Protein backbone atom coordinates (compact mmCIF):
# COMPACT_ATOMS: atom_id res chain seq x y z
CA MET A 1 0.00 0.00 0.00
CA SER A 2 1.48 3.35 -1.14
CA LEU A 3 0.29 6.54 0.49
CA ILE A 4 -0.20 9.57 -1.78
CA ALA A 5 -1.40 13.16 -1.56
CA VAL A 6 -3.73 14.57 -4.23
CA VAL A 7 -3.96 18.34 -4.67
CA THR A 8 -6.54 20.49 -6.42
CA THR A 9 -7.77 24.06 -6.12
CA VAL A 10 -11.31 25.44 -5.97
CA ALA A 11 -12.86 28.90 -6.02
CA SER A 12 -14.50 28.95 -2.59
CA ARG A 13 -14.16 27.63 0.93
CA ASP A 14 -17.67 26.17 0.70
CA GLU A 15 -16.76 24.16 -2.40
CA ALA A 16 -13.54 22.94 -0.76
CA ARG A 17 -15.48 21.85 2.32
CA ALA A 18 -18.14 20.08 0.26
CA ILE A 19 -15.57 18.11 -1.76
CA ALA A 20 -13.50 17.31 1.35
CA ALA A 21 -16.54 16.09 3.30
CA SER A 22 -17.76 13.95 0.40
CA LEU A 23 -14.37 12.28 -0.12
CA VAL A 24 -13.93 11.53 3.60
CA GLU A 25 -17.54 10.37 4.08
CA ARG A 26 -17.22 8.00 1.10
CA GLY A 27 -14.04 6.53 2.53
CA LEU A 28 -11.98 7.53 -0.49
CA VAL A 29 -9.50 9.57 1.54
CA ALA A 30 -8.26 9.41 5.11
CA CYS A 31 -7.87 13.16 5.51
CA ALA A 32 -8.55 16.40 3.67
CA GLN A 33 -6.85 19.73 4.35
CA ILE A 34 -7.97 23.15 3.11
CA SER A 35 -5.80 26.26 2.87
CA GLN A 36 -6.41 29.67 1.35
CA ILE A 37 -3.98 30.66 -1.41
CA GLU A 38 -3.50 33.26 -4.15
CA SER A 39 -3.15 31.87 -7.67
CA PHE A 40 -1.69 33.33 -10.85
CA TYR A 41 -2.55 31.54 -14.09
CA ARG A 42 -3.44 32.03 -17.75
CA TRP A 43 -7.05 31.59 -18.78
CA GLN A 44 -8.12 32.16 -22.38
CA GLY A 45 -4.83 33.94 -23.10
CA GLU A 46 -5.12 36.41 -20.21
CA LEU A 47 -3.14 36.52 -16.97
CA GLN A 48 -5.42 35.96 -13.99
CA GLN A 49 -4.85 36.56 -10.28
CA GLU A 50 -7.47 35.13 -7.94
CA PRO A 51 -7.89 33.91 -4.39
CA GLU A 52 -8.46 30.15 -4.32
CA PHE A 53 -8.57 27.33 -1.83
CA ARG A 54 -6.11 24.43 -2.03
CA LEU A 55 -7.56 21.05 -1.20
CA LEU A 56 -4.97 18.41 -0.27
CA VAL A 57 -6.29 14.92 0.34
CA LYS A 58 -4.43 11.87 1.63
CA THR A 59 -5.24 8.46 0.24
CA VAL A 60 -3.62 5.30 -1.12
CA ARG A 61 -2.37 4.90 -4.68
CA GLU A 62 -4.90 2.14 -5.31
CA ARG A 63 -7.76 4.62 -4.74
CA TYR A 64 -6.39 7.39 -6.98
CA GLY A 65 -8.75 6.68 -9.90
CA GLU A 66 -11.80 6.80 -7.64
CA VAL A 67 -10.59 9.99 -5.95
CA GLU A 68 -9.93 11.68 -9.30
CA ALA A 69 -13.36 10.68 -10.64
CA ALA A 70 -15.10 11.97 -7.51
CA ILE A 71 -13.23 15.30 -7.63
CA ARG A 72 -14.06 15.74 -11.32
CA ALA A 73 -17.75 15.03 -10.62
CA LEU A 74 -17.92 17.49 -7.69
CA HIS A 75 -15.61 20.23 -9.03
CA SER A 76 -16.99 23.44 -10.60
CA TYR A 77 -13.98 24.24 -12.82
CA GLU A 78 -13.88 23.24 -16.49
């Protein structure tokens, strides 16, 4: 069993909490941590600067596919 951390970002604390709670409740991750960050990125050719929330979840490598699918289903970003 290999332990891994999976990281994603979301636009709001509420969204981060909803994804974290769902992943923990479903037993896909052992722990989820949320931290506020500031992100710089390109979107549609323009430089963006936005507050975001980093969601770091701890799981096992064998569960990665399920964790990724759940995050994609719950996540608001394209």
